[in-house]
């Protein structure tokens, strides 16, 4: 926190405490007697009382203000200044360090075991599942089956390859999948023909004439990434088109949208958050989801 923000918080906190004290002091000086009224009468006989505040109630107000002053001095209510030197981020760091002392050794032990072997270790898989649920399930689901736009990890389709080193690379550095849009390159008729061609690669029954009409465009613009037969390219992260596994959906409208507008998929890097040892265990768990060993 900068000096300016610290001063702003200090002034605001002090003003609130002083304002509350002034308000209580003002009302405690009011001279009224027990049974006095304000003079307001309703329904002919209902009067509004004007009794003084009970002393115990007034004492609680002052005690609360005193406690507020003590708390503000001990803890960082005045910006970064406090007698105890406590901070929320400091407490968090201490808790993380304490947890690392307990669990760090466990994950370090797992890190010495190859991932294929670790994917059959019940203890490692239990730890890996905890990591997965807390860090991956939001996108990929608790069962790893993904959702539209988020890959299914429980099948044998691997966009970047199923080698353990590739899984570790994905978790460590993240991935960015870029599909350029061709809306400016093709007219509507060509886009429609390419939609049919892509569906034919997946084995759908499409008119042979339309497939032939789009083949030249496919080989010129698409095959460099997706392969001549739609087999994909794990080196580029280009998905296979010759199956019925569709990350964003396999309907004609969805395919058309992808061709025209492209896609930008992002998998965030996990190593800065988890560390190398936990990534190693998480990779073993992800590998186990697909049934591979």
C-alpha atoms as a PDB file:
ATOM      1  CA  UNK A   1       0.000   0.000   0.000  1.00  0.00           C
ATOM      2  CA  UNK A   2       1.388   3.422  -0.934  1.00  0.00           C
ATOM      3  CA  UNK A   3       1.879   6.243   1.561  1.00  0.00           C
ATOM      4  CA  UNK A   4      -1.015   8.161   0.021  1.00  0.00           C
ATOM      5  CA  UNK A   5      -3.447   5.266   0.483  1.00  0.00           C
ATOM      6  CA  UNK A   6      -2.195   4.673   4.030  1.00  0.00           C
ATOM      7  CA  UNK A   7      -2.845   8.321   4.914  1.00  0.00           C
ATOM      8  CA  UNK A   8      -6.281   8.157   3.301  1.00  0.00           C
ATOM      9  CA  UNK A   9      -7.221   5.072   5.358  1.00  0.00           C
ATOM     10  CA  UNK A  10      -5.777   6.648   8.527  1.00  0.00           C
ATOM     11  CA  UNK A  11      -7.801   9.846   8.120  1.00  0.00           C
ATOM     12  CA  UNK A  12     -10.989   7.948   7.248  1.00  0.00           C
ATOM     13  CA  UNK A  13     -10.645   5.563  10.217  1.00  0.00           C
ATOM     14  CA  UNK A  14      -9.814   8.352  12.675  1.00  0.00           C
ATOM     15  CA  UNK A  15     -12.705  10.483  11.386  1.00  0.00           C
ATOM     16  CA  UNK A  16     -15.169   7.629  11.929  1.00  0.00           C
ATOM     17  CA  UNK A  17     -13.962   6.989  15.489  1.00  0.00           C
ATOM     18  CA  UNK A  18     -13.959  10.694  16.404  1.00  0.00           C
ATOM     19  CA  UNK A  19     -17.350  11.182  14.765  1.00  0.00           C
ATOM     20  CA  UNK A  20     -18.876   8.342  16.785  1.00  0.00           C
ATOM     21  CA  UNK A  21     -17.331   9.715  20.000  1.00  0.00           C
ATOM     22  CA  UNK A  22     -18.628  13.232  19.294  1.00  0.00           C
ATOM     23  CA  UNK A  23     -22.115  11.904  18.590  1.00  0.00           C
ATOM     24  CA  UNK A  24     -22.253   9.937  21.861  1.00  0.00           C
ATOM     25  CA  UNK A  25     -20.842  12.873  23.820  1.00  0.00           C
ATOM     26  CA  UNK A  26     -23.444  15.238  22.372  1.00  0.00           C
ATOM     27  CA  UNK A  27     -26.425  13.045  23.180  1.00  0.00           C
ATOM     28  CA  UNK A  28     -25.110  12.135  26.628  1.00  0.00           C
ATOM     29  CA  UNK A  29     -25.216  15.846  27.572  1.00  0.00           C
ATOM     30  CA  UNK A  30     -28.933  16.134  26.852  1.00  0.00           C
ATOM     31  CA  UNK A  31     -30.723  17.011  30.089  1.00  0.00           C
ATOM     32  CA  UNK A  32     -33.968  15.132  30.324  1.00  0.00           C
ATOM     33  CA  UNK A  33     -35.788  13.614  33.255  1.00  0.00           C
ATOM     34  CA  UNK A  34     -37.281  10.187  33.672  1.00  0.00           C
ATOM     35  CA  UNK A  35     -40.811  10.159  32.304  1.00  0.00           C
ATOM     36  CA  UNK A  36     -40.346  13.248  30.121  1.00  0.00           C
ATOM     37  CA  UNK A  37     -42.036  13.354  26.716  1.00  0.00           C
ATOM     38  CA  UNK A  38     -41.371  15.086  23.419  1.00  0.00           C
ATOM     39  CA  UNK A  39     -44.877  16.526  23.373  1.00  0.00           C
ATOM     40  CA  UNK A  40     -45.972  14.346  20.472  1.00  0.00           C
ATOM     41  CA  UNK A  41     -49.298  12.582  21.038  1.00  0.00           C
ATOM     42  CA  UNK A  42     -51.038  10.012  18.821  1.00  0.00           C
ATOM     43  CA  UNK A  43     -54.584   8.702  19.027  1.00  0.00           C
ATOM     44  CA  UNK A  44     -55.268  11.055  21.883  1.00  0.00           C
ATOM     45  CA  UNK A  45     -53.310   9.219  24.575  1.00  0.00           C
ATOM     46  CA  UNK A  46     -50.129   7.698  23.052  1.00  0.00           C
ATOM     47  CA  UNK A  47     -47.165   9.924  23.952  1.00  0.00           C
ATOM     48  CA  UNK A  48     -43.593   9.740  22.659  1.00  0.00           C
ATOM     49  CA  UNK A  49     -41.157   9.335  25.534  1.00  0.00           C
ATOM     50  CA  UNK A  50     -37.962  11.379  25.905  1.00  0.00           C
ATOM     51  CA  UNK A  51     -36.114   9.422  28.575  1.00  0.00           C
ATOM     52  CA  UNK A  52     -32.316   9.720  28.904  1.00  0.00           C
ATOM     53  CA  UNK A  53     -30.132   6.849  27.685  1.00  0.00           C
ATOM     54  CA  UNK A  54     -29.487   4.228  30.371  1.00  0.00           C
ATOM     55  CA  UNK A  55     -26.004   4.557  31.870  1.00  0.00           C
ATOM     56  CA  UNK A  56     -25.110   0.958  31.011  1.00  0.00           C
ATOM     57  CA  UNK A  57     -26.032   1.572  27.393  1.00  0.00           C
ATOM     58  CA  UNK A  58     -23.945   4.732  27.281  1.00  0.00           C
ATOM     59  CA  UNK A  59     -21.065   2.820  28.870  1.00  0.00           C
ATOM     60  CA  UNK A  60     -21.263   0.161  26.158  1.00  0.00           C
ATOM     61  CA  UNK A  61     -20.998   2.842  23.497  1.00  0.00           C
ATOM     62  CA  UNK A  62     -17.835   4.257  25.074  1.00  0.00           C
ATOM     63  CA  UNK A  63     -16.414   0.773  25.583  1.00  0.00           C
ATOM     64  CA  UNK A  64     -16.986   0.005  21.903  1.00  0.00           C
ATOM     65  CA  UNK A  65     -15.218   3.204  20.851  1.00  0.00           C
ATOM     66  CA  UNK A  66     -12.313   2.411  23.192  1.00  0.00           C
ATOM     67  CA  UNK A  67     -12.059  -1.094  21.733  1.00  0.00           C
ATOM     68  CA  UNK A  68     -12.089   0.385  18.226  1.00  0.00           C
ATOM     69  CA  UNK A  69      -9.116   2.601  19.103  1.00  0.00           C
ATOM     70  CA  UNK A  70      -7.171  -0.305  20.653  1.00  0.00           C
ATOM     71  CA  UNK A  71      -7.896  -2.573  17.678  1.00  0.00           C
ATOM     72  CA  UNK A  72      -6.930   0.132  15.191  1.00  0.00           C
ATOM     73  CA  UNK A  73      -3.581   0.657  16.915  1.00  0.00           C
ATOM     74  CA  UNK A  74      -2.777  -3.064  17.204  1.00  0.00           C
ATOM     75  CA  UNK A  75      -3.894  -4.064  13.706  1.00  0.00           C
ATOM     76  CA  UNK A  76      -3.391  -2.232  10.381  1.00  0.00           C
ATOM     77  CA  UNK A  77      -6.523  -0.105  10.484  1.00  0.00           C
ATOM     78  CA  UNK A  78      -4.339   2.946   9.835  1.00  0.00           C
ATOM     79  CA  UNK A  79      -3.066   1.810   6.460  1.00  0.00           C
ATOM     80  CA  UNK A  80       0.134  -0.199   6.872  1.00  0.00           C
ATOM     81  CA  UNK A  81       0.872   0.972  10.417  1.00  0.00           C
ATOM     82  CA  UNK A  82       0.194  -1.345  13.364  1.00  0.00           C
ATOM     83  CA  UNK A  83       1.931  -2.227  16.630  1.00  0.00           C
ATOM     84  CA  UNK A  84       1.684  -5.985  16.062  1.00  0.00           C
ATOM     85  CA  UNK A  85       2.982  -5.847  12.491  1.00  0.00           C
ATOM     86  CA  UNK A  86       0.205  -8.216  11.390  1.00  0.00           C
ATOM     87  CA  UNK A  87      -1.067  -8.337   7.817  1.00  0.00           C
ATOM     88  CA  UNK A  88      -3.503 -10.567   5.990  1.00  0.00           C
ATOM     89  CA  UNK A  89      -0.957 -11.417   3.312  1.00  0.00           C
ATOM     90  CA  UNK A  90       1.642 -12.201   5.966  1.00  0.00           C
ATOM     91  CA  UNK A  91      -0.728 -14.580   7.738  1.00  0.00           C
ATOM     92  CA  UNK A  92      -1.507 -16.248   4.420  1.00  0.00           C
ATOM     93  CA  UNK A  93       2.201 -16.695   3.668  1.00  0.00           C
ATOM     94  CA  UNK A  94       2.759 -18.206   7.119  1.00  0.00           C
ATOM     95  CA  UNK A  95      -0.099 -20.668   6.624  1.00  0.00           C
ATOM     96  CA  UNK A  96       1.218 -21.662   3.192  1.00  0.00           C
ATOM     97  CA  UNK A  97       4.695 -22.189   4.633  1.00  0.00           C
ATOM     98  CA  UNK A  98       3.285 -24.346   7.441  1.00  0.00           C
ATOM     99  CA  UNK A  99       1.301 -26.447   4.956  1.00  0.00           C
ATOM    100  CA  UNK A 100       4.361 -26.814   2.732  1.00  0.00           C
ATOM    101  CA  UNK A 101       6.337 -28.220   5.655  1.00  0.00           C
ATOM    102  CA  UNK A 102       3.709 -30.938   6.049  1.00  0.00           C
ATOM    103  CA  UNK A 103       2.841 -31.729   2.430  1.00  0.00           C
ATOM    104  CA  UNK A 104       5.955 -30.675   0.540  1.00  0.00           C
ATOM    105  CA  UNK A 105       7.848 -33.783   1.607  1.00  0.00           C
ATOM    106  CA  UNK A 106       4.987 -36.016   0.451  1.00  0.00           C
ATOM    107  CA  UNK A 107       4.899 -34.520  -3.052  1.00  0.00           C
ATOM    108  CA  UNK A 108       8.690 -34.540  -3.249  1.00  0.00           C
ATOM    109  CA  UNK A 109       8.551 -38.300  -2.644  1.00  0.00           C
ATOM    110  CA  UNK A 110       6.033 -38.753  -5.455  1.00  0.00           C
ATOM    111  CA  UNK A 111       8.205 -36.667  -7.796  1.00  0.00           C
ATOM    112  CA  UNK A 112      10.878 -39.380  -7.826  1.00  0.00           C
ATOM    113  CA  UNK A 113       8.442 -41.904  -9.360  1.00  0.00           C
ATOM    114  CA  UNK A 114       7.824 -41.951 -13.153  1.00  0.00           C
ATOM    115  CA  UNK A 115       4.392 -40.686 -14.151  1.00  0.00           C
ATOM    116  CA  UNK A 116       3.155 -43.945 -15.775  1.00  0.00           C
ATOM    117  CA  UNK A 117       3.969 -45.829 -12.578  1.00  0.00           C
ATOM    118  CA  UNK A 118       2.514 -43.075 -10.423  1.00  0.00           C
ATOM    119  CA  UNK A 119      -0.771 -43.259 -12.358  1.00  0.00           C
ATOM    120  CA  UNK A 120      -1.382 -46.653 -10.698  1.00  0.00           C
ATOM    121  CA  UNK A 121      -0.439 -45.566  -7.164  1.00  0.00           C
ATOM    122  CA  UNK A 122      -3.615 -45.139  -5.025  1.00  0.00           C
ATOM    123  CA  UNK A 123      -1.966 -42.653  -2.647  1.00  0.00           C
ATOM    124  CA  UNK A 124      -0.660 -40.521  -5.504  1.00  0.00           C
ATOM    125  CA  UNK A 125      -4.017 -40.634  -7.296  1.00  0.00           C
ATOM    126  CA  UNK A 126      -5.795 -39.535  -4.119  1.00  0.00           C
ATOM    127  CA  UNK A 127      -3.464 -36.548  -3.831  1.00  0.00           C
ATOM    128  CA  UNK A 128      -3.784 -35.895  -7.558  1.00  0.00           C
ATOM    129  CA  UNK A 129      -7.559 -35.918  -7.377  1.00  0.00           C
ATOM    130  CA  UNK A 130      -7.486 -33.297  -4.618  1.00  0.00           C
ATOM    131  CA  UNK A 131      -5.283 -31.116  -6.805  1.00  0.00           C
ATOM    132  CA  UNK A 132      -7.547 -31.705  -9.806  1.00  0.00           C
ATOM    133  CA  UNK A 133     -10.768 -30.872  -7.975  1.00  0.00           C
ATOM    134  CA  UNK A 134      -9.317 -27.664  -6.549  1.00  0.00           C
ATOM    135  CA  UNK A 135      -7.524 -26.413  -9.655  1.00  0.00           C
ATOM    136  CA  UNK A 136      -8.933 -28.093 -12.778  1.00  0.00           C
ATOM    137  CA  UNK A 137     -12.520 -29.195 -12.174  1.00  0.00           C
ATOM    138  CA  UNK A 138     -13.970 -25.720 -12.756  1.00  0.00           C
ATOM    139  CA  UNK A 139     -13.238 -26.102 -16.479  1.00  0.00           C
ATOM    140  CA  UNK A 140     -12.816 -29.838 -17.021  1.00  0.00           C
ATOM    141  CA  UNK A 141     -15.465 -31.080 -14.556  1.00  0.00           C
ATOM    142  CA  UNK A 142     -14.978 -33.183 -11.438  1.00  0.00           C
ATOM    143  CA  UNK A 143     -14.934 -36.334 -13.576  1.00  0.00           C
ATOM    144  CA  UNK A 144     -12.602 -34.827 -16.183  1.00  0.00           C
ATOM    145  CA  UNK A 145     -15.162 -35.107 -18.971  1.00  0.00           C
ATOM    146  CA  UNK A 146     -14.980 -31.424 -19.788  1.00  0.00           C
ATOM    147  CA  UNK A 147     -17.639 -29.205 -21.314  1.00  0.00           C
ATOM    148  CA  UNK A 148     -18.119 -27.261 -24.525  1.00  0.00           C
ATOM    149  CA  UNK A 149     -14.828 -25.489 -25.146  1.00  0.00           C
ATOM    150  CA  UNK A 150     -13.030 -27.452 -22.401  1.00  0.00           C
ATOM    151  CA  UNK A 151     -11.403 -30.748 -23.466  1.00  0.00           C
ATOM    152  CA  UNK A 152     -12.560 -34.124 -22.202  1.00  0.00           C
ATOM    153  CA  UNK A 153      -9.642 -35.659 -20.289  1.00  0.00           C
ATOM    154  CA  UNK A 154     -11.343 -39.015 -19.751  1.00  0.00           C
ATOM    155  CA  UNK A 155     -11.065 -40.232 -23.355  1.00  0.00           C
ATOM    156  CA  UNK A 156      -8.169 -41.216 -25.608  1.00  0.00           C
ATOM    157  CA  UNK A 157      -8.192 -38.045 -27.731  1.00  0.00           C
ATOM    158  CA  UNK A 158      -5.177 -35.857 -26.981  1.00  0.00           C
ATOM    159  CA  UNK A 159      -4.895 -32.568 -28.834  1.00  0.00           C
ATOM    160  CA  UNK A 160      -1.266 -32.056 -27.774  1.00  0.00           C
ATOM    161  CA  UNK A 161      -0.284 -35.711 -27.389  1.00  0.00           C
ATOM    162  CA  UNK A 162      -0.609 -38.245 -24.565  1.00  0.00           C
ATOM    163  CA  UNK A 163       3.071 -38.615 -23.736  1.00  0.00           C
ATOM    164  CA  UNK A 164       3.630 -37.847 -20.010  1.00  0.00           C
ATOM    165  CA  UNK A 165       6.160 -35.178 -20.955  1.00  0.00           C
ATOM    166  CA  UNK A 166       3.508 -33.420 -23.065  1.00  0.00           C
ATOM    167  CA  UNK A 167       0.980 -33.547 -20.231  1.00  0.00           C
ATOM    168  CA  UNK A 168       3.567 -32.053 -17.872  1.00  0.00           C
ATOM    169  CA  UNK A 169       4.376 -29.361 -20.457  1.00  0.00           C
ATOM    170  CA  UNK A 170       0.683 -28.473 -20.752  1.00  0.00           C
ATOM    171  CA  UNK A 171       0.237 -28.220 -16.990  1.00  0.00           C
ATOM    172  CA  UNK A 172       3.510 -26.380 -16.484  1.00  0.00           C
ATOM    173  CA  UNK A 173       3.315 -23.762 -19.223  1.00  0.00           C
ATOM    174  CA  UNK A 174      -0.322 -23.813 -20.279  1.00  0.00           C
ATOM    175  CA  UNK A 175      -1.472 -23.911 -23.902  1.00  0.00           C
ATOM    176  CA  UNK A 176      -2.857 -21.432 -26.380  1.00  0.00           C
ATOM    177  CA  UNK A 177      -4.863 -22.929 -29.219  1.00  0.00           C
ATOM    178  CA  UNK A 178      -5.322 -20.512 -32.110  1.00  0.00           C
ATOM    179  CA  UNK A 179      -7.615 -21.186 -35.055  1.00  0.00           C
ATOM    180  CA  UNK A 180      -7.572 -18.206 -37.463  1.00  0.00           C
ATOM    181  CA  UNK A 181     -10.841 -16.990 -38.899  1.00  0.00           C
ATOM    182  CA  UNK A 182     -11.346 -17.200 -42.663  1.00  0.00           C
ATOM    183  CA  UNK A 183     -14.401 -15.001 -42.932  1.00  0.00           C
ATOM    184  CA  UNK A 184     -12.481 -12.489 -45.060  1.00  0.00           C
ATOM    185  CA  UNK A 185     -10.950 -15.191 -47.268  1.00  0.00           C
ATOM    186  CA  UNK A 186     -14.024 -17.188 -48.326  1.00  0.00           C
ATOM    187  CA  UNK A 187     -17.438 -16.256 -49.615  1.00  0.00           C
ATOM    188  CA  UNK A 188     -20.540 -17.792 -48.038  1.00  0.00           C
ATOM    189  CA  UNK A 189     -20.799 -20.587 -50.591  1.00  0.00           C
ATOM    190  CA  UNK A 190     -17.199 -21.663 -50.019  1.00  0.00           C
ATOM    191  CA  UNK A 191     -17.714 -21.632 -46.252  1.00  0.00           C
ATOM    192  CA  UNK A 192     -20.804 -23.830 -46.639  1.00  0.00           C
ATOM    193  CA  UNK A 193     -18.844 -26.269 -48.816  1.00  0.00           C
ATOM    194  CA  UNK A 194     -16.048 -26.426 -46.226  1.00  0.00           C
ATOM    195  CA  UNK A 195     -18.601 -27.105 -43.499  1.00  0.00           C
ATOM    196  CA  UNK A 196     -19.817 -30.101 -45.497  1.00  0.00           C
ATOM    197  CA  UNK A 197     -16.250 -31.212 -46.158  1.00  0.00           C
ATOM    198  CA  UNK A 198     -15.315 -31.123 -42.459  1.00  0.00           C
ATOM    199  CA  UNK A 199     -18.428 -33.125 -41.603  1.00  0.00           C
ATOM    200  CA  UNK A 200     -17.522 -35.678 -44.275  1.00  0.00           C
ATOM    201  CA  UNK A 201     -14.098 -36.161 -42.667  1.00  0.00           C
ATOM    202  CA  UNK A 202     -15.896 -37.239 -39.500  1.00  0.00           C
ATOM    203  CA  UNK A 203     -17.737 -39.925 -41.452  1.00  0.00           C
ATOM    204  CA  UNK A 204     -21.039 -38.135 -41.979  1.00  0.00           C
ATOM    205  CA  UNK A 205     -23.049 -38.790 -45.122  1.00  0.00           C
ATOM    206  CA  UNK A 206     -22.446 -35.711 -47.295  1.00  0.00           C
ATOM    207  CA  UNK A 207     -23.110 -35.246 -51.010  1.00  0.00           C
ATOM    208  CA  UNK A 208     -19.967 -36.353 -52.869  1.00  0.00           C
ATOM    209  CA  UNK A 209     -20.185 -33.444 -55.289  1.00  0.00           C
ATOM    210  CA  UNK A 210     -20.068 -30.878 -52.495  1.00  0.00           C
ATOM    211  CA  UNK A 211     -17.159 -32.697 -50.855  1.00  0.00           C
ATOM    212  CA  UNK A 212     -15.197 -32.665 -54.116  1.00  0.00           C
ATOM    213  CA  UNK A 213     -15.954 -28.971 -54.635  1.00  0.00           C
ATOM    214  CA  UNK A 214     -14.372 -28.062 -51.273  1.00  0.00           C
ATOM    215  CA  UNK A 215     -11.331 -30.337 -51.416  1.00  0.00           C
ATOM    216  CA  UNK A 216      -9.035 -27.809 -53.093  1.00  0.00           C
ATOM    217  CA  UNK A 217      -9.835 -25.119 -50.540  1.00  0.00           C
ATOM    218  CA  UNK A 218      -9.380 -27.549 -47.663  1.00  0.00           C
ATOM    219  CA  UNK A 219      -5.982 -28.710 -48.880  1.00  0.00           C
ATOM    220  CA  UNK A 220      -4.868 -25.129 -49.535  1.00  0.00           C
ATOM    221  CA  UNK A 221      -5.989 -23.541 -46.258  1.00  0.00           C
ATOM    222  CA  UNK A 222      -6.691 -26.264 -43.693  1.00  0.00           C
ATOM    223  CA  UNK A 223      -4.565 -29.349 -44.262  1.00  0.00           C
ATOM    224  CA  UNK A 224      -1.309 -27.695 -43.143  1.00  0.00           C
ATOM    225  CA  UNK A 225      -2.596 -27.821 -39.562  1.00  0.00           C
ATOM    226  CA  UNK A 226      -5.335 -30.465 -39.545  1.00  0.00           C
ATOM    227  CA  UNK A 227      -3.674 -32.879 -41.978  1.00  0.00           C
ATOM    228  CA  UNK A 228      -4.744 -34.007 -45.484  1.00  0.00           C
ATOM    229  CA  UNK A 229      -7.170 -36.558 -44.032  1.00  0.00           C
ATOM    230  CA  UNK A 230      -8.164 -34.504 -40.990  1.00  0.00           C
ATOM    231  CA  UNK A 231      -5.930 -36.538 -38.687  1.00  0.00           C
ATOM    232  CA  UNK A 232      -4.762 -33.454 -36.778  1.00  0.00           C
ATOM    233  CA  UNK A 233      -1.279 -32.483 -35.621  1.00  0.00           C
ATOM    234  CA  UNK A 234      -0.342 -32.814 -31.918  1.00  0.00           C
ATOM    235  CA  UNK A 235       2.827 -30.784 -32.475  1.00  0.00           C
ATOM    236  CA  UNK A 236       0.705 -27.749 -33.347  1.00  0.00           C
ATOM    237  CA  UNK A 237      -2.188 -28.675 -31.094  1.00  0.00           C
ATOM    238  CA  UNK A 238      -4.416 -28.848 -34.184  1.00  0.00           C
ATOM    239  CA  UNK A 239      -7.354 -31.160 -33.405  1.00  0.00           C
ATOM    240  CA  UNK A 240      -8.260 -34.148 -35.517  1.00  0.00           C
ATOM    241  CA  UNK A 241     -11.344 -33.638 -37.678  1.00  0.00           C
ATOM    242  CA  UNK A 242     -11.706 -37.262 -38.760  1.00  0.00           C
ATOM    243  CA  UNK A 243     -13.695 -38.331 -35.720  1.00  0.00           C
ATOM    244  CA  UNK A 244     -16.810 -37.321 -33.828  1.00  0.00           C
ATOM    245  CA  UNK A 245     -14.913 -35.608 -30.998  1.00  0.00           C
ATOM    246  CA  UNK A 246     -15.898 -31.942 -31.170  1.00  0.00           C
ATOM    247  CA  UNK A 247     -14.498 -29.486 -28.627  1.00  0.00           C
ATOM    248  CA  UNK A 248     -16.982 -26.718 -29.465  1.00  0.00           C
ATOM    249  CA  UNK A 249     -19.757 -28.846 -30.954  1.00  0.00           C
ATOM    250  CA  UNK A 250     -20.229 -30.675 -34.241  1.00  0.00           C
ATOM    251  CA  UNK A 251     -23.315 -28.972 -35.638  1.00  0.00           C
ATOM    252  CA  UNK A 252     -23.100 -27.275 -39.024  1.00  0.00           C
ATOM    253  CA  UNK A 253     -23.730 -23.856 -37.465  1.00  0.00           C
ATOM    254  CA  UNK A 254     -20.919 -24.273 -34.938  1.00  0.00           C
ATOM    255  CA  UNK A 255     -18.466 -25.493 -37.581  1.00  0.00           C
ATOM    256  CA  UNK A 256     -19.392 -22.550 -39.785  1.00  0.00           C
ATOM    257  CA  UNK A 257     -18.800 -20.108 -36.930  1.00  0.00           C
ATOM    258  CA  UNK A 258     -15.359 -21.593 -36.266  1.00  0.00           C
ATOM    259  CA  UNK A 259     -14.352 -21.352 -39.937  1.00  0.00           C
ATOM    260  CA  UNK A 260     -15.555 -17.756 -40.235  1.00  0.00           C
ATOM    261  CA  UNK A 261     -14.477 -16.330 -36.863  1.00  0.00           C
ATOM    262  CA  UNK A 262     -11.796 -18.727 -35.645  1.00  0.00           C
ATOM    263  CA  UNK A 263     -11.169 -19.743 -32.049  1.00  0.00           C
ATOM    264  CA  UNK A 264      -8.769 -18.760 -29.286  1.00  0.00           C
ATOM    265  CA  UNK A 265      -8.533 -21.382 -26.544  1.00  0.00           C
ATOM    266  CA  UNK A 266      -6.411 -20.820 -23.443  1.00  0.00           C
ATOM    267  CA  UNK A 267      -5.180 -23.282 -20.844  1.00  0.00           C
ATOM    268  CA  UNK A 268      -3.517 -21.337 -17.990  1.00  0.00           C
ATOM    269  CA  UNK A 269      -0.127 -22.413 -16.669  1.00  0.00           C
ATOM    270  CA  UNK A 270      -0.352 -24.278 -13.352  1.00  0.00           C
ATOM    271  CA  UNK A 271       3.319 -24.541 -12.375  1.00  0.00           C
ATOM    272  CA  UNK A 272       3.525 -21.013 -10.886  1.00  0.00           C
ATOM    273  CA  UNK A 273       0.607 -21.903  -8.611  1.00  0.00           C
ATOM    274  CA  UNK A 274       1.353 -25.549  -7.786  1.00  0.00           C
ATOM    275  CA  UNK A 275       5.084 -26.064  -8.238  1.00  0.00           C
ATOM    276  CA  UNK A 276       6.855 -28.815 -10.173  1.00  0.00           C
ATOM    277  CA  UNK A 277       6.252 -31.655  -7.677  1.00  0.00           C
ATOM    278  CA  UNK A 278       2.487 -31.139  -7.577  1.00  0.00           C
ATOM    279  CA  UNK A 279       2.359 -30.795 -11.373  1.00  0.00           C
ATOM    280  CA  UNK A 280       4.079 -34.188 -11.574  1.00  0.00           C
ATOM    281  CA  UNK A 281       1.379 -35.794  -9.399  1.00  0.00           C
ATOM    282  CA  UNK A 282      -1.401 -33.972 -11.242  1.00  0.00           C
ATOM    283  CA  UNK A 283      -0.055 -35.217 -14.585  1.00  0.00           C
ATOM    284  CA  UNK A 284      -0.238 -38.794 -13.283  1.00  0.00           C
ATOM    285  CA  UNK A 285      -3.867 -38.257 -12.264  1.00  0.00           C
ATOM    286  CA  UNK A 286      -4.781 -36.761 -15.652  1.00  0.00           C
ATOM    287  CA  UNK A 287      -3.113 -39.722 -17.368  1.00  0.00           C
ATOM    288  CA  UNK A 288      -5.144 -42.117 -15.210  1.00  0.00           C
ATOM    289  CA  UNK A 289      -8.419 -40.468 -16.267  1.00  0.00           C
ATOM    290  CA  UNK A 290      -7.939 -41.697 -19.828  1.00  0.00           C
ATOM    291  CA  UNK A 291      -7.224 -45.254 -18.710  1.00  0.00           C
ATOM    292  CA  UNK A 292      -3.700 -45.088 -20.126  1.00  0.00           C
ATOM    293  CA  UNK A 293      -0.683 -46.499 -18.330  1.00  0.00           C
END
